[in-house]
Amino acid sequence: KIRLSRRKKAIRNRRILYLVLVVAIIIIIALVHQIR
């Protein structure tokens, strides 16, 4: 159960990190577009 819980946390953290990266990329693209 502990290993399963850790695995779930790791998956959740990766998903959060992925979402953060996606949002950051979208913001950067929007800023570059606005500057251009």
PDB file of all heavy atoms in Angstrom:
ATOM      1  N   LYS A   1       0.834  -1.206   0.000  1.00  0.00           N
ATOM      2  CA  LYS A   1       0.000   0.000   0.000  1.00  0.00           C
ATOM      3  C   LYS A   1       0.864   1.249   0.000  1.00  0.00           C
ATOM      4  O   LYS A   1       0.557   2.240  -0.663  1.00  0.00           O
ATOM      5  CB  LYS A   1      -0.918   0.012   1.220  1.00  0.00           C
ATOM      6  CG  LYS A   1      -2.046  -1.007   1.148  1.00  0.00           C
ATOM      7  CD  LYS A   1      -2.938  -0.899   2.372  1.00  0.00           C
ATOM      8  CE  LYS A   1      -4.112  -1.875   2.274  1.00  0.00           C
ATOM      9  NZ  LYS A   1      -4.994  -1.780   3.463  1.00  0.00           N
ATOM     10  N   ILE A   2       1.992   1.197   0.752  1.00  0.00           N
ATOM     11  CA  ILE A   2       2.895   2.358   0.802  1.00  0.00           C
ATOM     12  C   ILE A   2       3.503   2.610  -0.579  1.00  0.00           C
ATOM     13  O   ILE A   2       3.557   3.745  -1.054  1.00  0.00           O
ATOM     14  CB  ILE A   2       4.002   2.132   1.847  1.00  0.00           C
ATOM     15  CG1 ILE A   2       3.394   2.164   3.259  1.00  0.00           C
ATOM     16  CG2 ILE A   2       5.096   3.199   1.716  1.00  0.00           C
ATOM     17  CD1 ILE A   2       4.369   1.773   4.349  1.00  0.00           C
ATOM     18  N   ARG A   3       3.954   1.497  -1.210  1.00  0.00           N
ATOM     19  CA  ARG A   3       4.536   1.648  -2.544  1.00  0.00           C
ATOM     20  C   ARG A   3       3.503   2.191  -3.530  1.00  0.00           C
ATOM     21  O   ARG A   3       3.799   3.034  -4.371  1.00  0.00           O
ATOM     22  CB  ARG A   3       5.094   0.312  -3.032  1.00  0.00           C
ATOM     23  CG  ARG A   3       6.418  -0.076  -2.379  1.00  0.00           C
ATOM     24  CD  ARG A   3       7.098  -1.178  -3.178  1.00  0.00           C
ATOM     25  NE  ARG A   3       6.340  -2.415  -3.123  1.00  0.00           N
ATOM     26  CZ  ARG A   3       6.520  -3.363  -2.196  1.00  0.00           C
ATOM     27  NH1 ARG A   3       7.440  -3.215  -1.246  1.00  0.00           N
ATOM     28  NH2 ARG A   3       5.793  -4.463  -2.224  1.00  0.00           N
ATOM     29  N   LEU A   4       2.260   1.690  -3.429  1.00  0.00           N
ATOM     30  CA  LEU A   4       1.189   2.149  -4.306  1.00  0.00           C
ATOM     31  C   LEU A   4       0.902   3.637  -4.078  1.00  0.00           C
ATOM     32  O   LEU A   4       0.716   4.413  -5.016  1.00  0.00           O
ATOM     33  CB  LEU A   4      -0.074   1.321  -4.077  1.00  0.00           C
ATOM     34  CG  LEU A   4      -1.283   1.675  -4.970  1.00  0.00           C
ATOM     35  CD1 LEU A   4      -0.919   1.464  -6.434  1.00  0.00           C
ATOM     36  CD2 LEU A   4      -2.486   0.806  -4.584  1.00  0.00           C
ATOM     37  N   SER A   5       0.910   4.025  -2.789  1.00  0.00           N
ATOM     38  CA  SER A   5       0.661   5.431  -2.450  1.00  0.00           C
ATOM     39  C   SER A   5       1.767   6.321  -2.992  1.00  0.00           C
ATOM     40  O   SER A   5       1.498   7.398  -3.532  1.00  0.00           O
ATOM     41  CB  SER A   5       0.565   5.586  -0.930  1.00  0.00           C
ATOM     42  OG  SER A   5       0.405   6.935  -0.573  1.00  0.00           O
ATOM     43  N   ARG A   6       3.012   5.877  -2.863  1.00  0.00           N
ATOM     44  CA  ARG A   6       4.138   6.642  -3.399  1.00  0.00           C
ATOM     45  C   ARG A   6       4.049   6.769  -4.915  1.00  0.00           C
ATOM     46  O   ARG A   6       4.348   7.816  -5.484  1.00  0.00           O
ATOM     47  CB  ARG A   6       5.452   5.987  -2.996  1.00  0.00           C
ATOM     48  CG  ARG A   6       5.787   6.138  -1.511  1.00  0.00           C
ATOM     49  CD  ARG A   6       7.050   5.384  -1.181  1.00  0.00           C
ATOM     50  NE  ARG A   6       7.421   5.569   0.228  1.00  0.00           N
ATOM     51  CZ  ARG A   6       8.407   4.916   0.835  1.00  0.00           C
ATOM     52  NH1 ARG A   6       9.116   4.006   0.146  1.00  0.00           N
ATOM     53  NH2 ARG A   6       8.684   5.145   2.095  1.00  0.00           N
ATOM     54  N   ARG A   7       3.653   5.659  -5.551  1.00  0.00           N
ATOM     55  CA  ARG A   7       3.546   5.673  -6.998  1.00  0.00           C
ATOM     56  C   ARG A   7       2.472   6.663  -7.447  1.00  0.00           C
ATOM     57  O   ARG A   7       2.658   7.421  -8.405  1.00  0.00           O
ATOM     58  CB  ARG A   7       3.214   4.271  -7.512  1.00  0.00           C
ATOM     59  CG  ARG A   7       3.338   4.140  -9.037  1.00  0.00           C
ATOM     60  CD  ARG A   7       3.076   2.718  -9.515  1.00  0.00           C
ATOM     61  NE  ARG A   7       4.013   1.781  -8.924  1.00  0.00           N
ATOM     62  CZ  ARG A   7       3.661   0.803  -8.079  1.00  0.00           C
ATOM     63  NH1 ARG A   7       2.383   0.643  -7.753  1.00  0.00           N
ATOM     64  NH2 ARG A   7       4.560  -0.011  -7.588  1.00  0.00           N
ATOM     65  N   LYS A   8       1.353   6.658  -6.718  1.00  0.00           N
ATOM     66  CA  LYS A   8       0.273   7.593  -7.042  1.00  0.00           C
ATOM     67  C   LYS A   8       0.730   9.035  -6.852  1.00  0.00           C
ATOM     68  O   LYS A   8       0.424   9.917  -7.660  1.00  0.00           O
ATOM     69  CB  LYS A   8      -0.950   7.317  -6.174  1.00  0.00           C
ATOM     70  CG  LYS A   8      -1.703   6.058  -6.555  1.00  0.00           C
ATOM     71  CD  LYS A   8      -2.913   5.871  -5.659  1.00  0.00           C
ATOM     72  CE  LYS A   8      -3.711   4.626  -6.061  1.00  0.00           C
ATOM     73  NZ  LYS A   8      -4.880   4.434  -5.172  1.00  0.00           N
ATOM     74  N   LYS A   9       1.467   9.286  -5.780  1.00  0.00           N
ATOM     75  CA  LYS A   9       1.979  10.631  -5.524  1.00  0.00           C
ATOM     76  C   LYS A   9       2.947  11.065  -6.630  1.00  0.00           C
ATOM     77  O   LYS A   9       2.921  12.205  -7.091  1.00  0.00           O
ATOM     78  CB  LYS A   9       2.681  10.700  -4.169  1.00  0.00           C
ATOM     79  CG  LYS A   9       1.730  10.683  -2.986  1.00  0.00           C
ATOM     80  CD  LYS A   9       2.509  10.791  -1.675  1.00  0.00           C
ATOM     81  CE  LYS A   9       1.560  10.803  -0.479  1.00  0.00           C
ATOM     82  NZ  LYS A   9       2.277  10.897   0.807  1.00  0.00           N
ATOM     83  N   ALA A  10       3.809  10.118  -7.029  1.00  0.00           N
ATOM     84  CA  ALA A  10       4.775  10.438  -8.078  1.00  0.00           C
ATOM     85  C   ALA A  10       4.061  10.769  -9.384  1.00  0.00           C
ATOM     86  O   ALA A  10       4.414  11.727 -10.089  1.00  0.00           O
ATOM     87  CB  ALA A  10       5.740   9.264  -8.278  1.00  0.00           C
ATOM     88  N   ILE A  11       3.019   9.974  -9.709  1.00  0.00           N
ATOM     89  CA  ILE A  11       2.246  10.227 -10.924  1.00  0.00           C
ATOM     90  C   ILE A  11       1.552  11.579 -10.835  1.00  0.00           C
ATOM     91  O   ILE A  11       1.552  12.368 -11.784  1.00  0.00           O
ATOM     92  CB  ILE A  11       1.214   9.108 -11.152  1.00  0.00           C
ATOM     93  CG1 ILE A  11       1.945   7.783 -11.467  1.00  0.00           C
ATOM     94  CG2 ILE A  11       0.249   9.480 -12.286  1.00  0.00           C
ATOM     95  CD1 ILE A  11       1.020   6.588 -11.520  1.00  0.00           C
ATOM     96  N   ARG A  12       0.977  11.854  -9.652  1.00  0.00           N
ATOM     97  CA  ARG A  12       0.293  13.137  -9.462  1.00  0.00           C
ATOM     98  C   ARG A  12       1.261  14.306  -9.583  1.00  0.00           C
ATOM     99  O   ARG A  12       0.959  15.314 -10.212  1.00  0.00           O
ATOM    100  CB  ARG A  12      -0.379  13.159  -8.091  1.00  0.00           C
ATOM    101  CG  ARG A  12      -1.201  14.428  -7.827  1.00  0.00           C
ATOM    102  CD  ARG A  12      -1.720  14.431  -6.421  1.00  0.00           C
ATOM    103  NE  ARG A  12      -0.605  14.459  -5.469  1.00  0.00           N
ATOM    104  CZ  ARG A  12      -0.756  14.314  -4.145  1.00  0.00           C
ATOM    105  NH1 ARG A  12      -1.961  14.111  -3.635  1.00  0.00           N
ATOM    106  NH2 ARG A  12       0.294  14.356  -3.352  1.00  0.00           N
ATOM    107  N   ASN A  13       2.446  14.147  -8.990  1.00  0.00           N
ATOM    108  CA  ASN A  13       3.443  15.223  -9.061  1.00  0.00           C
ATOM    109  C   ASN A  13       3.909  15.465 -10.493  1.00  0.00           C
ATOM    110  O   ASN A  13       4.128  16.604 -10.902  1.00  0.00           O
ATOM    111  CB  ASN A  13       4.641  14.890  -8.166  1.00  0.00           C
ATOM    112  CG  ASN A  13       4.305  14.983  -6.685  1.00  0.00           C
ATOM    113  OD1 ASN A  13       3.317  15.634  -6.302  1.00  0.00           O
ATOM    114  ND2 ASN A  13       5.099  14.322  -5.846  1.00  0.00           N
ATOM    115  N   ARG A  14       4.078  14.365 -11.235  1.00  0.00           N
ATOM    116  CA  ARG A  14       4.471  14.513 -12.633  1.00  0.00           C
ATOM    117  C   ARG A  14       3.388  15.227 -13.430  1.00  0.00           C
ATOM    118  O   ARG A  14       3.689  16.062 -14.294  1.00  0.00           O
ATOM    119  CB  ARG A  14       4.775  13.150 -13.252  1.00  0.00           C
ATOM    120  CG  ARG A  14       6.129  12.563 -12.845  1.00  0.00           C
ATOM    121  CD  ARG A  14       6.550  11.455 -13.785  1.00  0.00           C
ATOM    122  NE  ARG A  14       5.662  10.317 -13.702  1.00  0.00           N
ATOM    123  CZ  ARG A  14       5.821   9.292 -12.862  1.00  0.00           C
ATOM    124  NH1 ARG A  14       6.850   9.279 -12.031  1.00  0.00           N
ATOM    125  NH2 ARG A  14       4.958   8.289 -12.864  1.00  0.00           N
ATOM    126  N   ARG A  15       2.124  14.890 -13.135  1.00  0.00           N
ATOM    127  CA  ARG A  15       1.022  15.552 -13.820  1.00  0.00           C
ATOM    128  C   ARG A  15       0.980  17.043 -13.496  1.00  0.00           C
ATOM    129  O   ARG A  15       0.769  17.880 -14.376  1.00  0.00           O
ATOM    130  CB  ARG A  15      -0.302  14.902 -13.442  1.00  0.00           C
ATOM    131  CG  ARG A  15      -0.508  13.523 -14.072  1.00  0.00           C
ATOM    132  CD  ARG A  15      -1.784  12.887 -13.580  1.00  0.00           C
ATOM    133  NE  ARG A  15      -2.007  11.598 -14.226  1.00  0.00           N
ATOM    134  CZ  ARG A  15      -2.978  10.758 -13.869  1.00  0.00           C
ATOM    135  NH1 ARG A  15      -3.807  11.081 -12.865  1.00  0.00           N
ATOM    136  NH2 ARG A  15      -3.118   9.607 -14.508  1.00  0.00           N
ATOM    137  N   ILE A  16       1.209  17.370 -12.222  1.00  0.00           N
ATOM    138  CA  ILE A  16       1.226  18.773 -11.812  1.00  0.00           C
ATOM    139  C   ILE A  16       2.367  19.514 -12.499  1.00  0.00           C
ATOM    140  O   ILE A  16       2.190  20.625 -13.014  1.00  0.00           O
ATOM    141  CB  ILE A  16       1.361  18.893 -10.275  1.00  0.00           C
ATOM    142  CG1 ILE A  16       0.091  18.373  -9.592  1.00  0.00           C
ATOM    143  CG2 ILE A  16       1.638  20.344  -9.863  1.00  0.00           C
ATOM    144  CD1 ILE A  16       0.198  18.279  -8.083  1.00  0.00           C
ATOM    145  N   LEU A  17       3.553  18.868 -12.516  1.00  0.00           N
ATOM    146  CA  LEU A  17       4.703  19.478 -13.163  1.00  0.00           C
ATOM    147  C   LEU A  17       4.443  19.681 -14.645  1.00  0.00           C
ATOM    148  O   LEU A  17       4.770  20.732 -15.219  1.00  0.00           O
ATOM    149  CB  LEU A  17       5.941  18.595 -12.970  1.00  0.00           C
ATOM    150  CG  LEU A  17       7.239  19.089 -13.628  1.00  0.00           C
ATOM    151  CD1 LEU A  17       7.627  20.465 -13.087  1.00  0.00           C
ATOM    152  CD2 LEU A  17       8.368  18.088 -13.400  1.00  0.00           C
ATOM    153  N   TYR A  18       3.818  18.690 -15.269  1.00  0.00           N
ATOM    154  CA  TYR A  18       3.493  18.793 -16.680  1.00  0.00           C
ATOM    155  C   TYR A  18       2.541  19.958 -16.938  1.00  0.00           C
ATOM    156  O   TYR A  18       2.740  20.749 -17.881  1.00  0.00           O
ATOM    157  CB  TYR A  18       2.856  17.482 -17.156  1.00  0.00           C
ATOM    158  CG  TYR A  18       2.349  17.521 -18.580  1.00  0.00           C
ATOM    159  CD1 TYR A  18       3.231  17.429 -19.650  1.00  0.00           C
ATOM    160  CD2 TYR A  18       0.986  17.662 -18.833  1.00  0.00           C
ATOM    161  CE1 TYR A  18       2.767  17.474 -20.950  1.00  0.00           C
ATOM    162  CE2 TYR A  18       0.518  17.707 -20.140  1.00  0.00           C
ATOM    163  CZ  TYR A  18       1.410  17.615 -21.192  1.00  0.00           C
ATOM    164  OH  TYR A  18       0.944  17.662 -22.474  1.00  0.00           O
ATOM    165  N   LEU A  19       1.511  20.081 -16.096  1.00  0.00           N
ATOM    166  CA  LEU A  19       0.550  21.172 -16.255  1.00  0.00           C
ATOM    167  C   LEU A  19       1.223  22.529 -16.064  1.00  0.00           C
ATOM    168  O   LEU A  19       0.946  23.481 -16.791  1.00  0.00           O
ATOM    169  CB  LEU A  19      -0.591  21.008 -15.244  1.00  0.00           C
ATOM    170  CG  LEU A  19      -1.577  19.865 -15.527  1.00  0.00           C
ATOM    171  CD1 LEU A  19      -2.554  19.714 -14.368  1.00  0.00           C
ATOM    172  CD2 LEU A  19      -2.334  20.122 -16.830  1.00  0.00           C
ATOM    173  N   VAL A  20       2.134  22.602 -15.071  1.00  0.00           N
ATOM    174  CA  VAL A  20       2.857  23.849 -14.829  1.00  0.00           C
ATOM    175  C   VAL A  20       3.703  24.222 -16.048  1.00  0.00           C
ATOM    176  O   VAL A  20       3.731  25.379 -16.478  1.00  0.00           O
ATOM    177  CB  VAL A  20       3.751  23.738 -13.582  1.00  0.00           C
ATOM    178  CG1 VAL A  20       4.704  24.935 -13.472  1.00  0.00           C
ATOM    179  CG2 VAL A  20       2.899  23.653 -12.324  1.00  0.00           C
ATOM    180  N   LEU A  21       4.381  23.227 -16.619  1.00  0.00           N
ATOM    181  CA  LEU A  21       5.203  23.475 -17.798  1.00  0.00           C
ATOM    182  C   LEU A  21       4.359  23.920 -18.984  1.00  0.00           C
ATOM    183  O   LEU A  21       4.731  24.837 -19.722  1.00  0.00           O
ATOM    184  CB  LEU A  21       5.998  22.214 -18.158  1.00  0.00           C
ATOM    185  CG  LEU A  21       7.147  21.836 -17.215  1.00  0.00           C
ATOM    186  CD1 LEU A  21       7.728  20.489 -17.601  1.00  0.00           C
ATOM    187  CD2 LEU A  21       8.216  22.907 -17.244  1.00  0.00           C
ATOM    188  N   VAL A  22       3.214  23.275 -19.164  1.00  0.00           N
ATOM    189  CA  VAL A  22       2.323  23.632 -20.273  1.00  0.00           C
ATOM    190  C   VAL A  22       1.839  25.076 -20.117  1.00  0.00           C
ATOM    191  O   VAL A  22       1.857  25.860 -21.065  1.00  0.00           O
ATOM    192  CB  VAL A  22       1.127  22.670 -20.344  1.00  0.00           C
ATOM    193  CG1 VAL A  22       0.067  23.204 -21.326  1.00  0.00           C
ATOM    194  CG2 VAL A  22       1.579  21.282 -20.775  1.00  0.00           C
ATOM    195  N   VAL A  23       1.421  25.418 -18.885  1.00  0.00           N
ATOM    196  CA  VAL A  23       0.944  26.786 -18.628  1.00  0.00           C
ATOM    197  C   VAL A  23       2.070  27.794 -18.859  1.00  0.00           C
ATOM    198  O   VAL A  23       1.866  28.855 -19.466  1.00  0.00           O
ATOM    199  CB  VAL A  23       0.407  26.912 -17.186  1.00  0.00           C
ATOM    200  CG1 VAL A  23       0.126  28.375 -16.850  1.00  0.00           C
ATOM    201  CG2 VAL A  23      -0.858  26.083 -17.021  1.00  0.00           C
ATOM    202  N   ALA A  24       3.290  27.463 -18.385  1.00  0.00           N
ATOM    203  CA  ALA A  24       4.433  28.364 -18.564  1.00  0.00           C
ATOM    204  C   ALA A  24       4.737  28.573 -20.044  1.00  0.00           C
ATOM    205  O   ALA A  24       4.999  29.696 -20.489  1.00  0.00           O
ATOM    206  CB  ALA A  24       5.660  27.806 -17.841  1.00  0.00           C
ATOM    207  N   ILE A  25       4.697  27.489 -20.826  1.00  0.00           N
ATOM    208  CA  ILE A  25       4.955  27.576 -22.267  1.00  0.00           C
ATOM    209  C   ILE A  25       3.896  28.441 -22.946  1.00  0.00           C
ATOM    210  O   ILE A  25       4.213  29.288 -23.795  1.00  0.00           O
ATOM    211  CB  ILE A  25       4.996  26.176 -22.896  1.00  0.00           C
ATOM    212  CG1 ILE A  25       6.249  25.417 -22.418  1.00  0.00           C
ATOM    213  CG2 ILE A  25       4.988  26.270 -24.424  1.00  0.00           C
ATOM    214  CD1 ILE A  25       6.270  23.962 -22.801  1.00  0.00           C
ATOM    215  N   ILE A  26       2.634  28.262 -22.547  1.00  0.00           N
ATOM    216  CA  ILE A  26       1.548  29.052 -23.131  1.00  0.00           C
ATOM    217  C   ILE A  26       1.750  30.537 -22.823  1.00  0.00           C
ATOM    218  O   ILE A  26       1.580  31.404 -23.693  1.00  0.00           O
ATOM    219  CB  ILE A  26       0.181  28.574 -22.594  1.00  0.00           C
ATOM    220  CG1 ILE A  26      -0.126  27.175 -23.144  1.00  0.00           C
ATOM    221  CG2 ILE A  26      -0.922  29.565 -22.984  1.00  0.00           C
ATOM    222  CD1 ILE A  26      -1.363  26.548 -22.550  1.00  0.00           C
ATOM    223  N   ILE A  27       2.142  30.845 -21.572  1.00  0.00           N
ATOM    224  CA  ILE A  27       2.365  32.241 -21.175  1.00  0.00           C
ATOM    225  C   ILE A  27       3.525  32.837 -21.961  1.00  0.00           C
ATOM    226  O   ILE A  27       3.448  33.976 -22.452  1.00  0.00           O
ATOM    227  CB  ILE A  27       2.646  32.330 -19.656  1.00  0.00           C
ATOM    228  CG1 ILE A  27       1.377  31.981 -18.874  1.00  0.00           C
ATOM    229  CG2 ILE A  27       3.134  33.734 -19.277  1.00  0.00           C
ATOM    230  CD1 ILE A  27       1.590  31.884 -17.378  1.00  0.00           C
ATOM    231  N   ILE A  28       4.623  32.082 -22.101  1.00  0.00           N
ATOM    232  CA  ILE A  28       5.791  32.560 -22.846  1.00  0.00           C
ATOM    233  C   ILE A  28       5.427  32.819 -24.301  1.00  0.00           C
ATOM    234  O   ILE A  28       5.795  33.856 -24.883  1.00  0.00           O
ATOM    235  CB  ILE A  28       6.949  31.550 -22.749  1.00  0.00           C
ATOM    236  CG1 ILE A  28       7.499  31.512 -21.306  1.00  0.00           C
ATOM    237  CG2 ILE A  28       8.074  31.915 -23.730  1.00  0.00           C
ATOM    238  CD1 ILE A  28       8.496  30.405 -21.067  1.00  0.00           C
ATOM    239  N   ILE A  29       4.698  31.888 -24.907  1.00  0.00           N
ATOM    240  CA  ILE A  29       4.282  32.052 -26.303  1.00  0.00           C
ATOM    241  C   ILE A  29       3.410  33.301 -26.450  1.00  0.00           C
ATOM    242  O   ILE A  29       3.568  34.080 -27.398  1.00  0.00           O
ATOM    243  CB  ILE A  29       3.521  30.809 -26.801  1.00  0.00           C
ATOM    244  CG1 ILE A  29       4.489  29.612 -26.913  1.00  0.00           C
ATOM    245  CG2 ILE A  29       2.855  31.083 -28.149  1.00  0.00           C
ATOM    246  CD1 ILE A  29       3.801  28.312 -27.245  1.00  0.00           C
ATOM    247  N   ALA A  30       2.497  33.503 -25.488  1.00  0.00           N
ATOM    248  CA  ALA A  30       1.615  34.672 -25.536  1.00  0.00           C
ATOM    249  C   ALA A  30       2.413  35.966 -25.418  1.00  0.00           C
ATOM    250  O   ALA A  30       2.146  36.946 -26.122  1.00  0.00           O
ATOM    251  CB  ALA A  30       0.575  34.587 -24.423  1.00  0.00           C
ATOM    252  N   LEU A  31       3.420  35.969 -24.517  1.00  0.00           N
ATOM    253  CA  LEU A  31       4.246  37.159 -24.331  1.00  0.00           C
ATOM    254  C   LEU A  31       5.065  37.463 -25.581  1.00  0.00           C
ATOM    255  O   LEU A  31       5.175  38.625 -26.004  1.00  0.00           O
ATOM    256  CB  LEU A  31       5.173  36.970 -23.125  1.00  0.00           C
ATOM    257  CG  LEU A  31       4.512  37.031 -21.744  1.00  0.00           C
ATOM    258  CD1 LEU A  31       5.518  36.660 -20.665  1.00  0.00           C
ATOM    259  CD2 LEU A  31       3.930  38.412 -21.482  1.00  0.00           C
ATOM    260  N   VAL A  32       5.673  36.427 -26.154  1.00  0.00           N
ATOM    261  CA  VAL A  32       6.455  36.605 -27.383  1.00  0.00           C
ATOM    262  C   VAL A  32       5.570  37.142 -28.503  1.00  0.00           C
ATOM    263  O   VAL A  32       5.957  38.046 -29.245  1.00  0.00           O
ATOM    264  CB  VAL A  32       7.115  35.279 -27.806  1.00  0.00           C
ATOM    265  CG1 VAL A  32       7.721  35.403 -29.197  1.00  0.00           C
ATOM    266  CG2 VAL A  32       8.193  34.881 -26.799  1.00  0.00           C
ATOM    267  N   HIS A  33       4.373  36.576 -28.598  1.00  0.00           N
ATOM    268  CA  HIS A  33       3.434  37.034 -29.636  1.00  0.00           C
ATOM    269  C   HIS A  33       3.069  38.498 -29.432  1.00  0.00           C
ATOM    270  O   HIS A  33       3.019  39.278 -30.396  1.00  0.00           O
ATOM    271  CB  HIS A  33       2.181  36.173 -29.602  1.00  0.00           C
ATOM    272  CG  HIS A  33       1.112  36.614 -30.571  1.00  0.00           C
ATOM    273  ND1 HIS A  33       1.207  36.409 -31.924  1.00  0.00           N
ATOM    274  CD2 HIS A  33      -0.066  37.281 -30.365  1.00  0.00           C
ATOM    275  CE1 HIS A  33       0.146  36.903 -32.524  1.00  0.00           C
ATOM    276  NE2 HIS A  33      -0.635  37.444 -31.601  1.00  0.00           N
ATOM    277  N   GLN A  34       2.831  38.884 -28.165  1.00  0.00           N
ATOM    278  CA  GLN A  34       2.467  40.264 -27.870  1.00  0.00           C
ATOM    279  C   GLN A  34       3.604  41.223 -28.189  1.00  0.00           C
ATOM    280  O   GLN A  34       3.390  42.302 -28.758  1.00  0.00           O
ATOM    281  CB  GLN A  34       2.084  40.395 -26.385  1.00  0.00           C
ATOM    282  CG  GLN A  34       1.624  41.775 -25.965  1.00  0.00           C
ATOM    283  CD  GLN A  34       0.342  42.205 -26.658  1.00  0.00           C
ATOM    284  OE1 GLN A  34      -0.436  41.362 -27.095  1.00  0.00           O
ATOM    285  NE2 GLN A  34       0.121  43.503 -26.768  1.00  0.00           N
ATOM    286  N   ILE A  35       4.845  40.832 -27.830  1.00  0.00           N
ATOM    287  CA  ILE A  35       6.004  41.671 -28.122  1.00  0.00           C
ATOM    288  C   ILE A  35       6.185  41.836 -29.620  1.00  0.00           C
ATOM    289  O   ILE A  35       6.431  42.938 -30.125  1.00  0.00           O
ATOM    290  CB  ILE A  35       7.273  41.073 -27.485  1.00  0.00           C
ATOM    291  CG1 ILE A  35       7.197  41.185 -25.960  1.00  0.00           C
ATOM    292  CG2 ILE A  35       8.530  41.784 -27.989  1.00  0.00           C
ATOM    293  CD1 ILE A  35       8.292  40.433 -25.227  1.00  0.00           C
ATOM    294  N   ARG A  36       6.056  40.725 -30.361  1.00  0.00           N
ATOM    295  CA  ARG A  36       6.183  40.789 -31.816  1.00  0.00           C
ATOM    296  C   ARG A  36       5.091  41.667 -32.419  1.00  0.00           C
ATOM    297  O   ARG A  36       5.347  42.434 -33.357  1.00  0.00           O
ATOM    298  CB  ARG A  36       6.117  39.383 -32.409  1.00  0.00           C
ATOM    299  CG  ARG A  36       7.372  38.543 -32.169  1.00  0.00           C
ATOM    300  CD  ARG A  36       7.214  37.155 -32.748  1.00  0.00           C
ATOM    301  NE  ARG A  36       8.441  36.393 -32.607  1.00  0.00           N
ATOM    302  CZ  ARG A  36       8.548  35.103 -32.920  1.00  0.00           C
ATOM    303  NH1 ARG A  36       7.496  34.449 -33.403  1.00  0.00           N
ATOM    304  NH2 ARG A  36       9.690  34.469 -32.764  1.00  0.00           N
TER     305      ARG A  36
END
